[in-house]
């Protein structure tokens, strides 16, 4: 079940122009190994009001649950020390140091669009599609060949990739 979450039930107006009304509050997040928390990019992650959700992310990672963060959300993880012991990426070499004086994970920084390590999946903004692929893979949503065709289609737009994808998801009883 997918739920949007925030520190209040007030509508959120995103950088991309969407209005999101949260389904629940941070305290309502189930702390289970099967939980997944995805932190979207924004330029407001240094605001102390986000501390509660990052604390929840820390609890989830400690339990073995999955946390994904893209773009500016990686700053909040860096501020909380959650990137100090896992391979990760962000918006380029030096970005996390610029916005997070507490950041100590430089040796684990990987200069790639998206990086998955120990239930943490991070990405820079150009890695959104790869980030989605790694999340889908981690969740086991598709079989491996279906996921590869899915990624190939959405990264290239080639019709043959679409038809290959459709072949992997067609019901077995179709002739």
N, C-alpha and C. Protein backbone atom coordinates (compact mmCIF):
# COMPACT_ATOMS: atom_id res chain seq x y z
N UNK A 1 0.84 -1.16 0.00
CA UNK A 1 0.00 0.00 0.00
C UNK A 1 0.90 1.24 0.00
N UNK A 2 0.63 2.14 -0.88
CA UNK A 2 1.38 3.39 -1.00
C UNK A 2 0.67 4.49 -0.22
N UNK A 3 1.45 5.19 0.62
CA UNK A 3 0.90 6.31 1.36
C UNK A 3 1.87 7.48 1.29
N UNK A 4 1.31 8.68 1.20
CA UNK A 4 2.13 9.88 1.30
C UNK A 4 2.13 10.29 2.76
N UNK A 5 3.26 10.84 3.20
CA UNK A 5 3.44 11.13 4.61
C UNK A 5 4.08 12.49 4.79
N UNK A 6 3.76 13.16 5.89
CA UNK A 6 4.35 14.45 6.20
C UNK A 6 4.25 14.69 7.70
N UNK A 7 4.82 15.79 8.13
CA UNK A 7 4.76 16.17 9.55
C UNK A 7 3.42 16.80 9.91
N UNK A 8 2.61 17.14 8.90
CA UNK A 8 1.25 17.64 9.14
C UNK A 8 0.37 17.16 7.99
N UNK A 9 -0.93 17.31 8.14
CA UNK A 9 -1.87 16.90 7.08
C UNK A 9 -2.16 18.04 6.11
N UNK A 10 -1.44 19.15 6.24
CA UNK A 10 -1.63 20.29 5.33
C UNK A 10 -1.13 19.93 3.93
N UNK A 11 -1.79 20.41 2.88
CA UNK A 11 -1.33 20.15 1.51
C UNK A 11 0.11 20.65 1.31
N UNK A 12 0.84 19.90 0.52
CA UNK A 12 2.23 20.24 0.20
C UNK A 12 2.26 20.65 -1.27
N UNK A 13 2.90 21.77 -1.55
CA UNK A 13 3.05 22.24 -2.93
C UNK A 13 4.50 21.97 -3.34
N UNK A 14 4.68 21.06 -4.28
CA UNK A 14 6.01 20.63 -4.66
C UNK A 14 6.68 21.62 -5.61
N UNK A 15 8.00 21.47 -5.77
CA UNK A 15 8.76 22.28 -6.72
C UNK A 15 8.22 22.09 -8.14
N UNK A 16 7.70 20.90 -8.42
CA UNK A 16 7.20 20.59 -9.74
C UNK A 16 5.77 21.04 -9.99
N UNK A 17 5.17 21.72 -9.00
CA UNK A 17 3.84 22.26 -9.18
C UNK A 17 2.70 21.34 -8.77
N UNK A 18 3.02 20.20 -8.18
CA UNK A 18 1.97 19.30 -7.71
C UNK A 18 1.53 19.69 -6.30
N UNK A 19 0.27 19.44 -6.01
CA UNK A 19 -0.21 19.58 -4.65
C UNK A 19 -0.52 18.18 -4.13
N UNK A 20 0.10 17.85 -3.01
CA UNK A 20 -0.06 16.53 -2.41
C UNK A 20 -0.67 16.71 -1.03
N UNK A 21 -1.74 15.98 -0.76
CA UNK A 21 -2.35 15.97 0.57
C UNK A 21 -1.89 14.69 1.26
N UNK A 22 -1.10 14.79 2.32
CA UNK A 22 -0.57 13.60 2.97
C UNK A 22 -1.67 12.67 3.49
N UNK A 23 -1.43 11.37 3.33
CA UNK A 23 -2.35 10.36 3.84
C UNK A 23 -2.20 10.16 5.34
N UNK A 24 -0.97 10.35 5.84
CA UNK A 24 -0.73 10.09 7.25
C UNK A 24 0.43 10.95 7.76
N UNK A 25 0.63 10.88 9.05
CA UNK A 25 1.71 11.62 9.71
C UNK A 25 2.92 10.71 9.90
N UNK A 26 4.06 11.30 10.14
CA UNK A 26 5.31 10.57 10.30
C UNK A 26 5.18 9.50 11.38
N UNK A 27 4.53 9.83 12.49
CA UNK A 27 4.37 8.86 13.57
C UNK A 27 3.55 7.64 13.16
N UNK A 28 2.80 7.74 12.07
CA UNK A 28 1.97 6.63 11.60
C UNK A 28 2.74 5.63 10.74
N UNK A 29 3.98 5.93 10.38
CA UNK A 29 4.77 5.04 9.53
C UNK A 29 5.03 3.74 10.28
N UNK A 30 4.72 2.62 9.63
CA UNK A 30 4.98 1.31 10.21
C UNK A 30 6.48 1.03 10.16
N UNK A 31 7.04 0.72 11.29
CA UNK A 31 8.46 0.38 11.35
C UNK A 31 8.57 -1.14 11.26
N UNK A 32 8.68 -1.62 10.01
CA UNK A 32 8.81 -3.05 9.74
C UNK A 32 9.92 -3.23 8.72
N UNK A 33 10.47 -4.41 8.69
CA UNK A 33 11.54 -4.71 7.73
C UNK A 33 11.05 -4.58 6.29
N UNK A 34 9.76 -4.74 6.07
CA UNK A 34 9.19 -4.66 4.72
C UNK A 34 8.78 -3.24 4.33
N UNK A 35 8.94 -2.29 5.23
CA UNK A 35 8.58 -0.90 4.92
C UNK A 35 9.57 -0.30 3.93
N UNK A 36 9.07 0.64 3.14
CA UNK A 36 9.91 1.36 2.17
C UNK A 36 9.57 2.84 2.31
N UNK A 37 10.59 3.66 2.50
CA UNK A 37 10.41 5.11 2.61
C UNK A 37 11.17 5.77 1.47
N UNK A 38 10.46 6.53 0.64
CA UNK A 38 11.09 7.23 -0.48
C UNK A 38 11.05 8.73 -0.20
N UNK A 39 12.22 9.36 -0.24
CA UNK A 39 12.37 10.78 0.05
C UNK A 39 12.62 11.52 -1.26
N UNK A 40 11.69 12.37 -1.68
CA UNK A 40 11.83 13.07 -2.96
C UNK A 40 12.83 14.21 -2.87
N UNK A 41 13.31 14.62 -4.00
CA UNK A 41 14.22 15.75 -4.07
C UNK A 41 13.50 17.05 -3.74
N UNK A 42 14.25 17.96 -3.16
CA UNK A 42 13.75 19.30 -2.83
C UNK A 42 14.92 20.14 -2.36
N UNK A 43 14.71 21.44 -2.31
CA UNK A 43 15.77 22.31 -1.81
C UNK A 43 15.51 22.74 -0.36
N UNK A 44 14.62 22.03 0.32
CA UNK A 44 14.24 22.39 1.69
C UNK A 44 14.67 21.37 2.73
N UNK A 45 15.45 20.38 2.34
CA UNK A 45 15.78 19.30 3.26
C UNK A 45 16.64 19.71 4.45
N UNK A 46 17.28 20.86 4.40
CA UNK A 46 18.08 21.32 5.56
C UNK A 46 17.20 21.94 6.65
N UNK A 47 15.93 22.16 6.36
CA UNK A 47 15.01 22.72 7.35
C UNK A 47 14.83 21.73 8.50
N UNK A 48 15.00 22.19 9.75
CA UNK A 48 14.87 21.30 10.91
C UNK A 48 13.53 20.57 11.00
N UNK A 49 12.48 21.09 10.35
CA UNK A 49 11.18 20.43 10.41
C UNK A 49 11.21 19.02 9.80
N UNK A 50 12.24 18.73 9.01
CA UNK A 50 12.35 17.41 8.39
C UNK A 50 13.10 16.41 9.27
N UNK A 51 13.54 16.84 10.43
CA UNK A 51 14.29 15.95 11.31
C UNK A 51 13.55 14.69 11.69
N UNK A 52 12.25 14.77 11.92
CA UNK A 52 11.47 13.60 12.34
C UNK A 52 11.43 12.53 11.26
N UNK A 53 11.30 12.92 10.00
CA UNK A 53 11.26 11.91 8.94
C UNK A 53 12.63 11.28 8.73
N UNK A 54 13.69 12.04 8.92
CA UNK A 54 15.03 11.48 8.78
C UNK A 54 15.34 10.54 9.95
N UNK A 55 14.85 10.88 11.12
CA UNK A 55 14.98 9.97 12.28
C UNK A 55 14.26 8.66 11.97
N UNK A 56 13.08 8.76 11.35
CA UNK A 56 12.32 7.57 10.97
C UNK A 56 13.09 6.78 9.92
N UNK A 57 13.74 7.46 8.98
CA UNK A 57 14.56 6.79 7.98
C UNK A 57 15.69 6.01 8.66
N UNK A 58 16.29 6.61 9.66
CA UNK A 58 17.36 5.94 10.41
C UNK A 58 16.84 4.68 11.10
N UNK A 59 15.68 4.78 11.71
CA UNK A 59 15.07 3.62 12.37
C UNK A 59 14.80 2.51 11.35
N UNK A 60 14.26 2.89 10.21
CA UNK A 60 13.96 1.90 9.17
C UNK A 60 15.22 1.21 8.67
N UNK A 61 16.27 1.98 8.40
CA UNK A 61 17.52 1.39 7.94
C UNK A 61 18.12 0.47 9.00
N UNK A 62 18.03 0.85 10.27
CA UNK A 62 18.56 0.02 11.35
C UNK A 62 17.84 -1.32 11.43
N UNK A 63 16.58 -1.33 11.07
CA UNK A 63 15.77 -2.54 11.11
C UNK A 63 15.96 -3.41 9.86
N UNK A 64 16.55 -2.84 8.81
CA UNK A 64 16.73 -3.57 7.56
C UNK A 64 15.69 -3.23 6.52
N UNK A 65 14.89 -2.20 6.78
CA UNK A 65 13.92 -1.73 5.80
C UNK A 65 14.63 -0.88 4.74
N UNK A 66 13.91 -0.49 3.71
CA UNK A 66 14.49 0.22 2.58
C UNK A 66 14.18 1.72 2.64
N UNK A 67 15.20 2.51 2.34
CA UNK A 67 15.04 3.96 2.22
C UNK A 67 15.65 4.38 0.90
N UNK A 68 14.91 5.18 0.15
CA UNK A 68 15.40 5.75 -1.09
C UNK A 68 15.41 7.26 -0.97
N UNK A 69 16.45 7.89 -1.47
CA UNK A 69 16.55 9.36 -1.44
C UNK A 69 17.15 9.83 -2.75
N UNK A 70 16.57 10.89 -3.29
CA UNK A 70 17.06 11.43 -4.56
C UNK A 70 17.33 12.92 -4.40
N UNK A 71 18.37 13.38 -5.09
CA UNK A 71 18.70 14.79 -5.18
C UNK A 71 18.89 15.41 -3.79
N UNK A 72 18.18 16.46 -3.47
CA UNK A 72 18.35 17.19 -2.22
C UNK A 72 18.06 16.38 -0.99
N UNK A 73 17.28 15.31 -1.09
CA UNK A 73 16.99 14.48 0.08
C UNK A 73 18.26 13.82 0.62
N UNK A 74 19.27 13.65 -0.25
CA UNK A 74 20.52 13.05 0.22
C UNK A 74 21.22 13.97 1.22
N UNK A 75 20.97 15.27 1.15
CA UNK A 75 21.56 16.22 2.10
C UNK A 75 21.06 15.92 3.52
N UNK A 76 19.76 15.66 3.64
CA UNK A 76 19.20 15.35 4.96
C UNK A 76 19.81 14.07 5.52
N UNK A 77 20.00 13.08 4.68
CA UNK A 77 20.63 11.84 5.14
C UNK A 77 22.06 12.09 5.57
N UNK A 78 22.77 12.93 4.81
CA UNK A 78 24.16 13.27 5.16
C UNK A 78 24.21 14.02 6.49
N UNK A 79 23.29 14.94 6.71
CA UNK A 79 23.25 15.70 7.96
C UNK A 79 23.05 14.79 9.17
N UNK A 80 22.36 13.69 8.97
CA UNK A 80 22.03 12.76 10.06
C UNK A 80 23.05 11.63 10.17
N UNK A 81 24.09 11.65 9.31
CA UNK A 81 25.13 10.62 9.35
C UNK A 81 24.76 9.32 8.68
N UNK A 82 23.65 9.29 7.94
CA UNK A 82 23.19 8.05 7.34
C UNK A 82 23.95 7.67 6.08
N UNK A 83 24.82 8.55 5.58
CA UNK A 83 25.64 8.23 4.42
C UNK A 83 27.09 7.92 4.81
N UNK A 84 27.36 7.92 6.09
CA UNK A 84 28.74 7.72 6.55
C UNK A 84 29.22 6.28 6.45
N UNK A 85 28.28 5.31 6.35
CA UNK A 85 28.66 3.90 6.37
C UNK A 85 28.08 3.08 5.21
N UNK A 86 27.57 3.76 4.21
CA UNK A 86 26.99 3.07 3.05
C UNK A 86 27.45 3.78 1.78
N UNK A 87 27.65 2.98 0.73
CA UNK A 87 27.94 3.59 -0.57
C UNK A 87 26.71 4.40 -0.97
N UNK A 88 26.94 5.52 -1.62
CA UNK A 88 25.84 6.43 -1.96
C UNK A 88 26.28 7.38 -3.07
N UNK A 89 25.31 8.12 -3.58
CA UNK A 89 25.60 9.17 -4.54
C UNK A 89 24.75 10.39 -4.20
N UNK A 90 24.97 11.45 -4.93
CA UNK A 90 24.19 12.67 -4.76
C UNK A 90 24.38 13.52 -6.01
N UNK A 91 24.33 14.81 -5.87
CA UNK A 91 24.34 15.72 -7.01
C UNK A 91 25.73 16.10 -7.49
N UNK A 92 26.71 15.27 -7.26
CA UNK A 92 28.06 15.52 -7.74
C UNK A 92 29.05 15.64 -6.60
N UNK A 93 30.31 15.38 -6.92
CA UNK A 93 31.39 15.51 -5.92
C UNK A 93 31.35 16.91 -5.31
N UNK A 94 31.41 17.00 -4.02
CA UNK A 94 31.43 18.28 -3.33
C UNK A 94 30.07 18.82 -2.94
N UNK A 95 28.99 18.31 -3.53
CA UNK A 95 27.65 18.81 -3.21
C UNK A 95 27.29 18.59 -1.75
N UNK A 96 27.50 17.37 -1.26
CA UNK A 96 27.12 17.09 0.13
C UNK A 96 27.97 17.89 1.11
N UNK A 97 29.25 18.06 0.83
CA UNK A 97 30.11 18.86 1.69
C UNK A 97 29.64 20.32 1.73
N UNK A 98 29.15 20.80 0.61
CA UNK A 98 28.70 22.18 0.50
C UNK A 98 27.47 22.44 1.39
N UNK A 99 26.57 21.46 1.46
CA UNK A 99 25.31 21.67 2.17
C UNK A 99 25.21 20.91 3.49
N UNK A 100 26.18 20.07 3.80
CA UNK A 100 26.15 19.31 5.04
C UNK A 100 27.52 19.29 5.70
N UNK A 101 27.76 20.22 6.61
CA UNK A 101 29.05 20.24 7.30
C UNK A 101 29.32 18.96 8.10
N UNK A 102 28.26 18.22 8.47
CA UNK A 102 28.42 16.99 9.26
C UNK A 102 28.77 15.78 8.39
N UNK A 103 28.73 15.92 7.08
CA UNK A 103 28.95 14.79 6.17
C UNK A 103 30.34 14.21 6.32
N UNK A 104 30.41 12.88 6.55
CA UNK A 104 31.69 12.18 6.72
C UNK A 104 31.82 10.97 5.78
N UNK A 105 30.95 10.88 4.76
CA UNK A 105 30.93 9.70 3.91
C UNK A 105 31.66 9.84 2.60
N UNK A 106 32.59 10.77 2.50
CA UNK A 106 33.29 11.03 1.24
C UNK A 106 33.92 9.77 0.63
N UNK A 107 34.47 8.90 1.46
CA UNK A 107 35.14 7.70 0.94
C UNK A 107 34.16 6.69 0.35
N UNK A 108 32.89 6.84 0.66
CA UNK A 108 31.87 5.91 0.15
C UNK A 108 31.03 6.53 -0.97
N UNK A 109 31.38 7.75 -1.36
CA UNK A 109 30.65 8.42 -2.44
C UNK A 109 30.99 7.75 -3.76
N UNK A 110 29.98 7.45 -4.56
CA UNK A 110 30.15 6.84 -5.87
C UNK A 110 29.58 7.82 -6.90
N UNK A 111 30.40 8.19 -7.87
CA UNK A 111 29.99 9.17 -8.87
C UNK A 111 29.21 8.47 -9.99
N UNK A 112 27.99 8.05 -9.66
CA UNK A 112 27.08 7.39 -10.60
C UNK A 112 25.69 7.99 -10.40
N UNK A 113 24.80 7.83 -11.38
CA UNK A 113 23.46 8.41 -11.26
C UNK A 113 22.64 7.85 -10.11
N UNK A 114 22.81 6.56 -9.79
CA UNK A 114 22.07 5.94 -8.70
C UNK A 114 22.90 4.82 -8.11
N UNK A 115 22.83 4.68 -6.79
CA UNK A 115 23.64 3.69 -6.08
C UNK A 115 22.76 3.01 -5.03
N UNK A 116 22.80 1.68 -4.99
CA UNK A 116 22.08 0.91 -3.97
C UNK A 116 23.09 0.20 -3.09
N UNK A 117 22.93 0.34 -1.78
CA UNK A 117 23.83 -0.34 -0.84
C UNK A 117 23.12 -0.55 0.48
N UNK A 118 23.01 -1.81 0.88
CA UNK A 118 22.51 -2.15 2.21
C UNK A 118 21.16 -1.48 2.50
N UNK A 119 20.22 -1.64 1.59
CA UNK A 119 18.84 -1.13 1.72
C UNK A 119 18.71 0.38 1.60
N UNK A 120 19.77 1.06 1.22
CA UNK A 120 19.70 2.50 0.94
C UNK A 120 19.93 2.69 -0.55
N UNK A 121 19.00 3.40 -1.20
CA UNK A 121 19.10 3.64 -2.64
C UNK A 121 19.08 5.16 -2.84
N UNK A 122 20.21 5.68 -3.32
CA UNK A 122 20.34 7.13 -3.51
C UNK A 122 20.53 7.44 -4.99
N UNK A 123 20.16 8.66 -5.37
CA UNK A 123 20.32 9.05 -6.77
C UNK A 123 20.48 10.55 -6.89
N UNK A 124 21.11 10.94 -7.99
CA UNK A 124 21.12 12.36 -8.35
C UNK A 124 19.93 12.58 -9.27
N UNK A 125 19.60 13.81 -9.60
CA UNK A 125 18.39 14.05 -10.40
C UNK A 125 18.42 13.43 -11.79
N UNK A 126 19.59 13.22 -12.36
CA UNK A 126 19.65 12.59 -13.68
C UNK A 126 19.50 11.07 -13.58
N UNK A 127 19.53 10.55 -12.37
CA UNK A 127 19.43 9.11 -12.15
C UNK A 127 18.04 8.64 -11.78
N UNK A 128 17.02 9.45 -12.00
CA UNK A 128 15.67 9.11 -11.56
C UNK A 128 15.18 7.76 -12.13
N UNK A 129 15.43 7.51 -13.39
CA UNK A 129 14.97 6.26 -13.99
C UNK A 129 15.73 5.07 -13.42
N UNK A 130 17.05 5.19 -13.28
CA UNK A 130 17.84 4.11 -12.70
C UNK A 130 17.46 3.91 -11.23
N UNK A 131 17.19 5.00 -10.51
CA UNK A 131 16.72 4.93 -9.12
C UNK A 131 15.43 4.11 -9.06
N UNK A 132 14.48 4.42 -9.95
CA UNK A 132 13.22 3.67 -9.99
C UNK A 132 13.50 2.19 -10.27
N UNK A 133 14.41 1.91 -11.20
CA UNK A 133 14.75 0.52 -11.53
C UNK A 133 15.30 -0.20 -10.30
N UNK A 134 16.20 0.47 -9.58
CA UNK A 134 16.80 -0.18 -8.41
C UNK A 134 15.76 -0.40 -7.30
N UNK A 135 14.83 0.51 -7.17
CA UNK A 135 13.75 0.34 -6.18
C UNK A 135 12.86 -0.83 -6.59
N UNK A 136 12.45 -0.87 -7.85
CA UNK A 136 11.61 -1.96 -8.36
C UNK A 136 12.33 -3.30 -8.19
N UNK A 137 13.61 -3.32 -8.51
CA UNK A 137 14.41 -4.54 -8.36
C UNK A 137 14.46 -4.97 -6.90
N UNK A 138 14.73 -4.03 -6.01
CA UNK A 138 14.82 -4.32 -4.58
C UNK A 138 13.50 -4.88 -4.04
N UNK A 139 12.39 -4.36 -4.55
CA UNK A 139 11.07 -4.80 -4.10
C UNK A 139 10.63 -6.11 -4.76
N UNK A 140 11.34 -6.52 -5.81
CA UNK A 140 10.98 -7.76 -6.50
C UNK A 140 9.68 -7.67 -7.26
N UNK A 141 9.38 -6.49 -7.79
CA UNK A 141 8.12 -6.27 -8.50
C UNK A 141 8.08 -7.07 -9.81
N UNK A 142 9.17 -7.11 -10.54
CA UNK A 142 9.24 -7.80 -11.82
C UNK A 142 10.27 -8.91 -11.77
N UNK A 143 10.13 -9.89 -12.68
CA UNK A 143 11.20 -10.85 -12.89
C UNK A 143 12.36 -10.09 -13.53
N UNK A 144 13.56 -10.65 -13.42
CA UNK A 144 14.76 -9.95 -13.90
C UNK A 144 14.66 -9.56 -15.37
N UNK A 145 14.19 -10.47 -16.25
CA UNK A 145 14.14 -10.12 -17.67
C UNK A 145 13.09 -9.04 -17.94
N UNK A 146 11.97 -9.07 -17.22
CA UNK A 146 10.95 -8.05 -17.38
C UNK A 146 11.50 -6.69 -16.96
N UNK A 147 12.23 -6.66 -15.85
CA UNK A 147 12.81 -5.41 -15.37
C UNK A 147 13.82 -4.86 -16.39
N UNK A 148 14.62 -5.72 -16.97
CA UNK A 148 15.61 -5.25 -17.95
C UNK A 148 14.93 -4.66 -19.18
N UNK A 149 13.89 -5.34 -19.67
CA UNK A 149 13.16 -4.80 -20.81
C UNK A 149 12.42 -3.50 -20.45
N UNK A 150 11.88 -3.44 -19.23
CA UNK A 150 11.23 -2.22 -18.75
C UNK A 150 12.22 -1.04 -18.78
N UNK A 151 13.39 -1.28 -18.21
CA UNK A 151 14.41 -0.23 -18.15
C UNK A 151 14.88 0.15 -19.56
N UNK A 152 15.10 -0.85 -20.38
CA UNK A 152 15.55 -0.58 -21.76
C UNK A 152 14.51 0.26 -22.50
N UNK A 153 13.23 -0.09 -22.36
CA UNK A 153 12.20 0.66 -23.06
C UNK A 153 12.15 2.10 -22.57
N UNK A 154 12.11 2.30 -21.26
CA UNK A 154 11.97 3.66 -20.74
C UNK A 154 13.25 4.48 -20.89
N UNK A 155 14.39 3.84 -21.07
CA UNK A 155 15.61 4.62 -21.27
C UNK A 155 15.90 4.90 -22.74
N UNK A 156 15.31 4.09 -23.65
CA UNK A 156 15.57 4.31 -25.08
C UNK A 156 14.32 4.73 -25.85
N UNK A 157 13.16 4.31 -25.42
CA UNK A 157 11.92 4.60 -26.13
C UNK A 157 11.74 3.77 -27.39
N UNK A 158 12.59 2.77 -27.59
CA UNK A 158 12.53 1.96 -28.81
C UNK A 158 11.35 1.00 -28.77
N UNK A 159 10.63 0.97 -29.89
CA UNK A 159 9.44 0.12 -30.00
C UNK A 159 9.77 -1.35 -29.74
N UNK A 160 10.91 -1.82 -30.24
CA UNK A 160 11.25 -3.23 -30.04
C UNK A 160 11.43 -3.57 -28.55
N UNK A 161 11.87 -2.61 -27.77
CA UNK A 161 11.99 -2.83 -26.33
C UNK A 161 10.60 -2.92 -25.69
N UNK A 162 9.68 -2.09 -26.17
CA UNK A 162 8.31 -2.15 -25.67
C UNK A 162 7.71 -3.53 -25.95
N UNK A 163 7.87 -4.02 -27.19
CA UNK A 163 7.28 -5.31 -27.54
C UNK A 163 7.96 -6.45 -26.78
N UNK A 164 9.25 -6.35 -26.54
CA UNK A 164 9.94 -7.36 -25.73
C UNK A 164 9.41 -7.33 -24.30
N UNK A 165 9.19 -6.14 -23.77
CA UNK A 165 8.62 -6.01 -22.42
C UNK A 165 7.24 -6.66 -22.37
N UNK A 166 6.41 -6.36 -23.34
CA UNK A 166 5.05 -6.90 -23.35
C UNK A 166 5.06 -8.43 -23.43
N UNK A 167 6.04 -9.00 -24.12
CA UNK A 167 6.15 -10.46 -24.20
C UNK A 167 6.43 -11.07 -22.83
N UNK A 168 7.15 -10.35 -21.98
CA UNK A 168 7.48 -10.91 -20.67
C UNK A 168 6.34 -10.80 -19.68
N UNK A 169 5.37 -9.91 -19.94
CA UNK A 169 4.27 -9.73 -19.00
C UNK A 169 2.95 -10.29 -19.53
N UNK A 170 2.94 -10.82 -20.77
CA UNK A 170 1.71 -11.39 -21.33
C UNK A 170 1.31 -12.62 -20.54
N UNK A 171 0.02 -12.81 -20.29
CA UNK A 171 -0.43 -14.01 -19.59
C UNK A 171 0.02 -15.27 -20.33
N UNK A 172 0.36 -16.30 -19.60
CA UNK A 172 0.86 -17.54 -20.18
C UNK A 172 -0.17 -18.25 -21.06
N UNK A 173 -1.45 -17.97 -20.85
CA UNK A 173 -2.47 -18.68 -21.62
C UNK A 173 -2.82 -18.01 -22.94
N UNK A 174 -2.18 -16.89 -23.26
CA UNK A 174 -2.46 -16.25 -24.54
C UNK A 174 -1.77 -17.00 -25.67
N UNK A 175 -2.41 -17.10 -26.80
CA UNK A 175 -1.84 -17.80 -27.95
C UNK A 175 -1.45 -16.84 -29.01
